[in-house]
Amino acid sequence: MIRWMMVPFTFVLCLFLVAEGTSQDKKKKATTITGALTAVEAAKDSKDTGTITVKTPEKKKKDVVIAEAKEHKIEVTKDTKIEKAGEKKKDPPVAATFADLQKELNVAVSHIDGKAERILILPKKK
């Protein structure tokens, strides 16, 4: 009788351990938004950190609004990689600083939970 009870118990125990091992902290993927900077606020204690506000444009598909225009507040930390895109697509991005972020620039921001991982300053459209 005890042998018959050990088999289901062992099976359930193995399932529990496998489920617990896979539910550990999964790394979230960064989401990328593209839009125009509407505000740049430097932090009081550091000139390389602060917050930026990016306004994404309204998306339409055949006169139907898919996504409304929206403003996103994103925190820029010391770990954020800021780059300026080259004039041509073949040109590699060049390193930039927080001071290069100015109102009305077009940017592509990769962020996780409101904290910027990478900011790419896009070239002006002709």
Protein backbone atom coordinates (compact mmCIF):
# COMPACT_ATOMS: atom_id res chain seq x y z
CA MET A 1 0.00 0.00 0.00
CA ILE A 2 2.81 2.40 0.86
CA ARG A 3 4.50 1.72 -2.49
CA TRP A 4 1.33 2.70 -4.36
CA MET A 5 1.20 5.99 -2.46
CA MET A 6 4.88 6.79 -3.09
CA VAL A 7 4.52 6.87 -6.88
CA PRO A 8 1.85 9.65 -7.04
CA PHE A 9 3.57 11.55 -4.21
CA THR A 10 6.91 11.49 -6.07
CA PHE A 11 5.22 12.57 -9.30
CA VAL A 12 3.49 15.55 -7.64
CA LEU A 13 6.71 16.53 -5.86
CA CYS A 14 8.62 16.54 -9.17
CA LEU A 15 5.94 18.71 -10.84
CA PHE A 16 6.06 21.16 -7.95
CA LEU A 17 9.85 21.49 -8.14
CA VAL A 18 9.85 21.97 -11.92
CA ALA A 19 7.11 24.62 -11.72
CA GLU A 20 8.96 26.46 -8.97
CA GLY A 21 12.23 26.44 -10.93
CA THR A 22 10.68 27.95 -14.05
CA SER A 23 8.80 30.72 -12.25
CA GLN A 24 11.91 32.54 -11.07
CA ASP A 25 12.64 36.07 -12.19
CA LYS A 26 12.30 36.11 -15.94
CA LYS A 27 14.06 39.01 -17.59
CA LYS A 28 11.56 41.38 -19.15
CA LYS A 29 12.10 42.47 -22.71
CA ALA A 30 12.54 46.11 -23.50
CA THR A 31 9.77 47.84 -25.42
CA THR A 32 10.68 50.49 -27.96
CA ILE A 33 8.72 53.66 -28.59
CA THR A 34 9.41 56.27 -31.24
CA GLY A 35 8.27 59.85 -31.04
CA ALA A 36 9.18 63.47 -30.37
CA LEU A 37 10.62 64.79 -27.12
CA THR A 38 8.21 67.22 -25.47
CA ALA A 39 10.08 67.75 -22.19
CA VAL A 40 13.58 67.13 -20.83
CA GLU A 41 14.08 67.53 -17.08
CA ALA A 42 17.54 67.06 -15.58
CA ALA A 43 17.86 65.66 -12.06
CA LYS A 44 18.95 68.09 -9.35
CA ASP A 45 21.85 65.96 -8.13
CA SER A 46 23.31 64.88 -11.47
CA LYS A 47 23.54 66.36 -14.95
CA ASP A 48 23.57 62.92 -16.64
CA THR A 49 20.22 61.71 -15.30
CA GLY A 50 16.64 62.92 -15.30
CA THR A 51 13.32 62.29 -16.99
CA ILE A 52 12.16 62.76 -20.54
CA THR A 53 8.66 62.90 -21.99
CA VAL A 54 8.15 61.30 -25.41
CA LYS A 55 4.97 61.89 -27.39
CA THR A 56 4.14 59.04 -29.75
CA PRO A 57 2.07 59.89 -32.84
CA GLU A 58 -1.42 58.60 -33.52
CA LYS A 59 -1.44 55.42 -35.61
CA LYS A 60 -4.06 54.99 -38.31
CA LYS A 61 -4.86 52.19 -40.69
CA LYS A 62 -7.31 53.00 -43.46
CA ASP A 63 -8.87 55.93 -41.56
CA VAL A 64 -9.31 53.82 -38.42
CA VAL A 65 -7.37 54.90 -35.34
CA ILE A 66 -5.36 51.95 -34.02
CA ALA A 67 -3.46 53.81 -31.28
CA GLU A 68 -4.06 57.26 -29.85
CA ALA A 69 -1.28 59.82 -29.50
CA LYS A 70 0.19 59.35 -26.04
CA GLU A 71 2.86 60.88 -23.82
CA HIS A 72 5.30 58.58 -22.01
CA LYS A 73 7.43 59.72 -19.05
CA ILE A 74 10.70 57.80 -18.99
CA GLU A 75 13.47 57.93 -16.41
CA VAL A 76 17.04 58.27 -17.70
CA THR A 77 19.67 56.68 -15.42
CA LYS A 78 23.46 56.53 -15.47
CA ASP A 79 23.22 53.11 -17.13
CA THR A 80 21.18 54.45 -20.06
CA LYS A 81 23.04 54.31 -23.37
CA ILE A 82 22.43 57.52 -25.36
CA GLU A 83 23.42 57.53 -29.04
CA LYS A 84 22.97 59.77 -32.05
CA ALA A 85 22.11 58.04 -35.34
CA GLY A 86 24.21 58.74 -38.40
CA GLU A 87 22.90 60.80 -41.31
CA LYS A 88 22.90 57.75 -43.58
CA LYS A 89 21.60 54.31 -42.63
CA LYS A 90 25.05 52.78 -43.14
CA ASP A 91 26.70 55.15 -40.65
CA PRO A 92 27.11 53.69 -37.14
CA PRO A 93 25.56 55.54 -34.19
CA VAL A 94 27.77 57.99 -32.30
CA ALA A 95 27.82 58.33 -28.50
CA ALA A 96 25.86 61.26 -27.08
CA THR A 97 25.11 62.74 -23.66
CA PHE A 98 22.02 63.75 -21.70
CA ALA A 99 22.75 67.38 -22.66
CA ASP A 100 22.19 66.47 -26.35
CA LEU A 101 18.53 65.64 -25.62
CA GLN A 102 16.45 68.69 -26.54
CA LYS A 103 12.79 69.43 -27.13
CA GLU A 104 11.26 68.45 -30.49
CA LEU A 105 13.96 65.92 -31.38
CA ASN A 106 12.78 62.59 -32.74
CA VAL A 107 13.97 59.68 -30.63
CA ALA A 108 13.60 55.92 -30.34
CA VAL A 109 13.61 54.79 -26.69
CA SER A 110 13.99 51.21 -25.49
CA HIS A 111 12.71 50.96 -21.94
CA ILE A 112 11.69 48.47 -19.25
CA ASP A 113 9.06 49.61 -16.74
CA GLY A 114 9.66 53.32 -17.40
CA LYS A 115 13.46 53.18 -17.12
CA ALA A 116 15.35 53.83 -20.33
CA GLU A 117 17.85 51.21 -21.50
CA ARG A 118 18.83 52.94 -24.76
CA ILE A 119 17.96 56.26 -26.37
CA LEU A 120 18.67 56.79 -30.08
CA ILE A 121 18.43 60.35 -31.37
CA LEU A 122 17.07 60.08 -34.90
CA PRO A 123 18.19 62.38 -37.74
CA LYS A 124 15.89 65.19 -38.86
CA LYS A 125 13.64 64.38 -41.79
CA LYS A 126 14.25 66.32 -44.96
